[in-house]
Amino acid sequence: MSKYELAVVLNAKIEDEERAKVLEKVKGYVTRFGGTISDVEESGKKKLAYDIQKMSEGYFYFIHFEAETSAPAEIENRVRIMDNVLRFLIVNQDEA
């Protein structure tokens, strides 16, 4: 099992309740594909370096998890098409 970090930027214009649902769905994808979440770090609302979908702010979350090497590709496929997810990135922590 390898260690990974999933960085997710969520839409800043949605309600707290909806944002929590989107985050839970992302975490659900991690666990569905055999990942074990060790930490979820919320960095809060921050200004983006450039506008994404006409938005200048987003909520940043960092999810640390362990999974098999095939899991990140599956997670990316699901998160890519989610509404209210502006950007995401999965980084292998073992190589860092």
N, C-alpha and C. Protein backbone atom coordinates (compact mmCIF):
# COMPACT_ATOMS: atom_id res chain seq x y z
N MET A 1 0.84 -1.17 0.00
CA MET A 1 0.00 0.00 0.00
C MET A 1 0.89 1.24 0.00
N SER A 2 0.51 2.19 -0.82
CA SER A 2 1.25 3.44 -0.92
C SER A 2 0.47 4.55 -0.25
N LYS A 3 1.19 5.59 0.16
CA LYS A 3 0.56 6.75 0.79
C LYS A 3 0.33 7.82 -0.27
N TYR A 4 -0.86 8.43 -0.23
CA TYR A 4 -1.24 9.45 -1.19
C TYR A 4 -1.84 10.66 -0.49
N GLU A 5 -1.82 11.79 -1.19
CA GLU A 5 -2.50 12.98 -0.74
C GLU A 5 -3.39 13.45 -1.87
N LEU A 6 -4.67 13.64 -1.58
CA LEU A 6 -5.63 14.14 -2.55
C LEU A 6 -5.97 15.58 -2.18
N ALA A 7 -5.60 16.51 -3.03
CA ALA A 7 -5.94 17.92 -2.84
C ALA A 7 -7.18 18.21 -3.66
N VAL A 8 -8.19 18.80 -3.02
CA VAL A 8 -9.45 19.09 -3.69
C VAL A 8 -9.81 20.55 -3.45
N VAL A 9 -10.20 21.24 -4.51
CA VAL A 9 -10.68 22.62 -4.41
C VAL A 9 -12.16 22.61 -4.76
N LEU A 10 -12.99 23.01 -3.79
CA LEU A 10 -14.44 23.00 -3.98
C LEU A 10 -14.97 24.41 -4.22
N ASN A 11 -16.09 24.48 -4.88
CA ASN A 11 -16.78 25.72 -5.18
C ASN A 11 -17.04 26.50 -3.88
N ALA A 12 -16.68 27.78 -3.86
CA ALA A 12 -16.86 28.60 -2.65
C ALA A 12 -18.26 29.16 -2.54
N LYS A 13 -19.05 29.05 -3.59
CA LYS A 13 -20.39 29.66 -3.59
C LYS A 13 -21.48 28.72 -3.11
N ILE A 14 -21.15 27.49 -2.77
CA ILE A 14 -22.17 26.55 -2.30
C ILE A 14 -22.28 26.64 -0.77
N GLU A 15 -23.40 26.20 -0.25
CA GLU A 15 -23.66 26.22 1.19
C GLU A 15 -22.75 25.22 1.92
N ASP A 16 -22.56 25.45 3.21
CA ASP A 16 -21.72 24.56 4.03
C ASP A 16 -22.22 23.12 3.99
N GLU A 17 -23.54 22.95 4.04
CA GLU A 17 -24.14 21.62 4.04
C GLU A 17 -23.82 20.88 2.74
N GLU A 18 -23.96 21.56 1.61
CA GLU A 18 -23.68 20.96 0.31
C GLU A 18 -22.19 20.64 0.17
N ARG A 19 -21.34 21.54 0.67
CA ARG A 19 -19.89 21.33 0.61
C ARG A 19 -19.51 20.09 1.43
N ALA A 20 -20.14 19.91 2.57
CA ALA A 20 -19.87 18.73 3.40
C ALA A 20 -20.29 17.46 2.67
N LYS A 21 -21.41 17.50 1.93
CA LYS A 21 -21.87 16.34 1.17
C LYS A 21 -20.89 15.99 0.06
N VAL A 22 -20.37 17.02 -0.63
CA VAL A 22 -19.40 16.78 -1.71
C VAL A 22 -18.13 16.17 -1.14
N LEU A 23 -17.66 16.68 0.00
CA LEU A 23 -16.45 16.15 0.63
C LEU A 23 -16.66 14.70 1.06
N GLU A 24 -17.83 14.40 1.62
CA GLU A 24 -18.13 13.02 2.03
C GLU A 24 -18.15 12.09 0.83
N LYS A 25 -18.66 12.58 -0.30
CA LYS A 25 -18.69 11.76 -1.52
C LYS A 25 -17.28 11.46 -2.00
N VAL A 26 -16.39 12.47 -1.95
CA VAL A 26 -14.99 12.26 -2.34
C VAL A 26 -14.34 11.24 -1.41
N LYS A 27 -14.56 11.39 -0.11
CA LYS A 27 -14.00 10.43 0.85
C LYS A 27 -14.57 9.04 0.63
N GLY A 28 -15.83 8.97 0.22
CA GLY A 28 -16.46 7.69 -0.08
C GLY A 28 -15.79 6.99 -1.25
N TYR A 29 -15.39 7.76 -2.26
CA TYR A 29 -14.68 7.18 -3.40
C TYR A 29 -13.33 6.59 -2.96
N VAL A 30 -12.66 7.28 -2.05
CA VAL A 30 -11.36 6.79 -1.56
C VAL A 30 -11.55 5.45 -0.87
N THR A 31 -12.54 5.36 0.01
CA THR A 31 -12.75 4.11 0.74
C THR A 31 -13.32 3.01 -0.16
N ARG A 32 -14.13 3.38 -1.15
CA ARG A 32 -14.71 2.39 -2.06
C ARG A 32 -13.64 1.63 -2.83
N PHE A 33 -12.57 2.31 -3.19
CA PHE A 33 -11.51 1.68 -3.97
C PHE A 33 -10.36 1.19 -3.10
N GLY A 34 -10.67 0.87 -1.84
CA GLY A 34 -9.71 0.21 -0.97
C GLY A 34 -8.78 1.12 -0.21
N GLY A 35 -9.04 2.41 -0.20
CA GLY A 35 -8.19 3.35 0.51
C GLY A 35 -8.56 3.45 1.98
N THR A 36 -7.58 3.78 2.78
CA THR A 36 -7.79 4.01 4.21
C THR A 36 -7.39 5.44 4.51
N ILE A 37 -8.37 6.26 4.88
CA ILE A 37 -8.12 7.68 5.13
C ILE A 37 -7.49 7.84 6.51
N SER A 38 -6.36 8.55 6.56
CA SER A 38 -5.69 8.78 7.83
C SER A 38 -5.93 10.19 8.35
N ASP A 39 -6.16 11.15 7.45
CA ASP A 39 -6.32 12.54 7.88
C ASP A 39 -7.04 13.34 6.80
N VAL A 40 -7.91 14.26 7.24
CA VAL A 40 -8.54 15.21 6.33
C VAL A 40 -8.24 16.59 6.87
N GLU A 41 -7.55 17.37 6.08
CA GLU A 41 -7.10 18.69 6.50
C GLU A 41 -7.88 19.75 5.71
N GLU A 42 -8.56 20.65 6.43
CA GLU A 42 -9.30 21.72 5.78
C GLU A 42 -8.48 23.00 5.86
N SER A 43 -8.16 23.57 4.71
CA SER A 43 -7.39 24.81 4.69
C SER A 43 -8.29 26.03 4.59
N GLY A 44 -9.57 25.81 4.38
CA GLY A 44 -10.53 26.91 4.35
C GLY A 44 -10.64 27.57 2.99
N LYS A 45 -11.29 28.72 3.00
CA LYS A 45 -11.54 29.48 1.77
C LYS A 45 -10.32 30.32 1.44
N LYS A 46 -9.85 30.16 0.20
CA LYS A 46 -8.67 30.91 -0.24
C LYS A 46 -8.89 31.47 -1.63
N LYS A 47 -8.16 32.52 -1.93
CA LYS A 47 -8.21 33.12 -3.26
C LYS A 47 -7.41 32.23 -4.22
N LEU A 48 -7.97 32.01 -5.40
CA LEU A 48 -7.30 31.20 -6.41
C LEU A 48 -6.30 32.06 -7.18
N ALA A 49 -5.28 31.45 -7.71
CA ALA A 49 -4.26 32.16 -8.48
C ALA A 49 -4.85 32.75 -9.76
N TYR A 50 -5.86 32.08 -10.29
CA TYR A 50 -6.56 32.55 -11.48
C TYR A 50 -8.00 32.04 -11.41
N ASP A 51 -8.89 32.70 -12.12
CA ASP A 51 -10.29 32.32 -12.10
C ASP A 51 -10.49 30.94 -12.74
N ILE A 52 -11.31 30.12 -12.08
CA ILE A 52 -11.69 28.82 -12.60
C ILE A 52 -13.21 28.81 -12.65
N GLN A 53 -13.77 28.60 -13.82
CA GLN A 53 -15.22 28.61 -14.01
C GLN A 53 -15.83 29.91 -13.47
N LYS A 54 -15.15 31.02 -13.74
CA LYS A 54 -15.57 32.37 -13.34
C LYS A 54 -15.63 32.55 -11.82
N MET A 55 -14.85 31.78 -11.08
CA MET A 55 -14.78 31.90 -9.62
C MET A 55 -13.36 32.24 -9.22
N SER A 56 -13.24 33.13 -8.25
CA SER A 56 -11.91 33.56 -7.82
C SER A 56 -11.52 32.99 -6.46
N GLU A 57 -12.45 32.26 -5.79
CA GLU A 57 -12.16 31.66 -4.49
C GLU A 57 -12.61 30.21 -4.48
N GLY A 58 -12.01 29.44 -3.58
CA GLY A 58 -12.40 28.04 -3.43
C GLY A 58 -12.04 27.53 -2.05
N TYR A 59 -12.68 26.45 -1.64
CA TYR A 59 -12.37 25.79 -0.37
C TYR A 59 -11.38 24.67 -0.64
N PHE A 60 -10.30 24.66 0.11
CA PHE A 60 -9.22 23.70 -0.09
C PHE A 60 -9.27 22.61 0.98
N TYR A 61 -9.18 21.35 0.53
CA TYR A 61 -9.14 20.20 1.42
C TYR A 61 -8.00 19.29 0.98
N PHE A 62 -7.33 18.68 1.96
CA PHE A 62 -6.25 17.74 1.70
C PHE A 62 -6.58 16.44 2.42
N ILE A 63 -6.77 15.37 1.65
CA ILE A 63 -7.13 14.07 2.20
C ILE A 63 -5.91 13.16 2.08
N HIS A 64 -5.40 12.69 3.21
CA HIS A 64 -4.26 11.77 3.24
C HIS A 64 -4.80 10.36 3.39
N PHE A 65 -4.34 9.46 2.51
CA PHE A 65 -4.84 8.09 2.57
C PHE A 65 -3.79 7.11 2.05
N GLU A 66 -4.03 5.83 2.38
CA GLU A 66 -3.20 4.73 1.89
C GLU A 66 -4.07 3.86 1.00
N ALA A 67 -3.51 3.44 -0.13
CA ALA A 67 -4.27 2.60 -1.05
C ALA A 67 -3.33 1.84 -1.97
N GLU A 68 -3.90 0.90 -2.70
CA GLU A 68 -3.15 0.18 -3.72
C GLU A 68 -2.85 1.14 -4.87
N THR A 69 -1.90 0.79 -5.71
CA THR A 69 -1.48 1.68 -6.78
C THR A 69 -2.54 1.89 -7.86
N SER A 70 -3.53 1.04 -7.94
CA SER A 70 -4.59 1.20 -8.94
C SER A 70 -5.69 2.16 -8.49
N ALA A 71 -5.78 2.44 -7.20
CA ALA A 71 -6.86 3.26 -6.64
C ALA A 71 -6.85 4.72 -7.13
N PRO A 72 -5.71 5.42 -7.20
CA PRO A 72 -5.74 6.83 -7.61
C PRO A 72 -6.38 7.06 -8.98
N ALA A 73 -6.15 6.19 -9.93
CA ALA A 73 -6.74 6.36 -11.26
C ALA A 73 -8.26 6.24 -11.19
N GLU A 74 -8.75 5.29 -10.41
CA GLU A 74 -10.20 5.12 -10.25
C GLU A 74 -10.82 6.32 -9.54
N ILE A 75 -10.15 6.81 -8.50
CA ILE A 75 -10.65 7.97 -7.77
C ILE A 75 -10.69 9.19 -8.68
N GLU A 76 -9.63 9.41 -9.46
CA GLU A 76 -9.58 10.54 -10.38
C GLU A 76 -10.71 10.48 -11.39
N ASN A 77 -11.01 9.30 -11.92
CA ASN A 77 -12.09 9.17 -12.89
C ASN A 77 -13.43 9.61 -12.31
N ARG A 78 -13.67 9.35 -11.04
CA ARG A 78 -14.94 9.70 -10.40
C ARG A 78 -14.97 11.18 -10.01
N VAL A 79 -13.89 11.69 -9.43
CA VAL A 79 -13.84 13.07 -8.94
C VAL A 79 -13.86 14.06 -10.12
N ARG A 80 -13.27 13.67 -11.23
CA ARG A 80 -13.19 14.54 -12.42
C ARG A 80 -14.57 15.03 -12.88
N ILE A 81 -15.59 14.18 -12.76
CA ILE A 81 -16.91 14.54 -13.28
C ILE A 81 -17.87 15.06 -12.20
N MET A 82 -17.39 15.27 -10.99
CA MET A 82 -18.25 15.74 -9.91
C MET A 82 -18.55 17.23 -10.05
N ASP A 83 -19.80 17.58 -9.75
CA ASP A 83 -20.17 18.99 -9.70
C ASP A 83 -19.53 19.62 -8.47
N ASN A 84 -19.26 20.89 -8.52
CA ASN A 84 -18.71 21.69 -7.42
C ASN A 84 -17.27 21.37 -7.07
N VAL A 85 -16.59 20.50 -7.82
CA VAL A 85 -15.15 20.27 -7.66
C VAL A 85 -14.46 21.07 -8.76
N LEU A 86 -13.73 22.12 -8.35
CA LEU A 86 -13.06 22.97 -9.34
C LEU A 86 -11.77 22.34 -9.83
N ARG A 87 -10.96 21.84 -8.90
CA ARG A 87 -9.68 21.21 -9.25
C ARG A 87 -9.38 20.12 -8.23
N PHE A 88 -8.54 19.17 -8.64
CA PHE A 88 -8.08 18.11 -7.74
C PHE A 88 -6.73 17.62 -8.21
N LEU A 89 -5.99 17.00 -7.30
CA LEU A 89 -4.69 16.45 -7.64
C LEU A 89 -4.36 15.36 -6.62
N ILE A 90 -3.93 14.21 -7.12
CA ILE A 90 -3.49 13.12 -6.24
C ILE A 90 -1.97 13.00 -6.38
N VAL A 91 -1.28 13.06 -5.24
CA VAL A 91 0.17 13.01 -5.22
C VAL A 91 0.59 11.79 -4.39
N ASN A 92 1.56 11.04 -4.90
CA ASN A 92 2.10 9.89 -4.19
C ASN A 92 3.08 10.41 -3.12
N GLN A 93 2.77 10.20 -1.87
CA GLN A 93 3.60 10.68 -0.77
C GLN A 93 4.89 9.88 -0.60
N ASP A 94 4.91 8.65 -1.08
CA ASP A 94 6.10 7.80 -0.96
C ASP A 94 7.25 8.36 -1.80
N GLU A 95 6.93 8.99 -2.93
CA GLU A 95 7.96 9.51 -3.81
C GLU A 95 8.42 10.92 -3.42
N ALA A 96 7.62 11.58 -2.59
CA ALA A 96 7.94 12.97 -2.23
C ALA A 96 9.10 13.06 -1.26
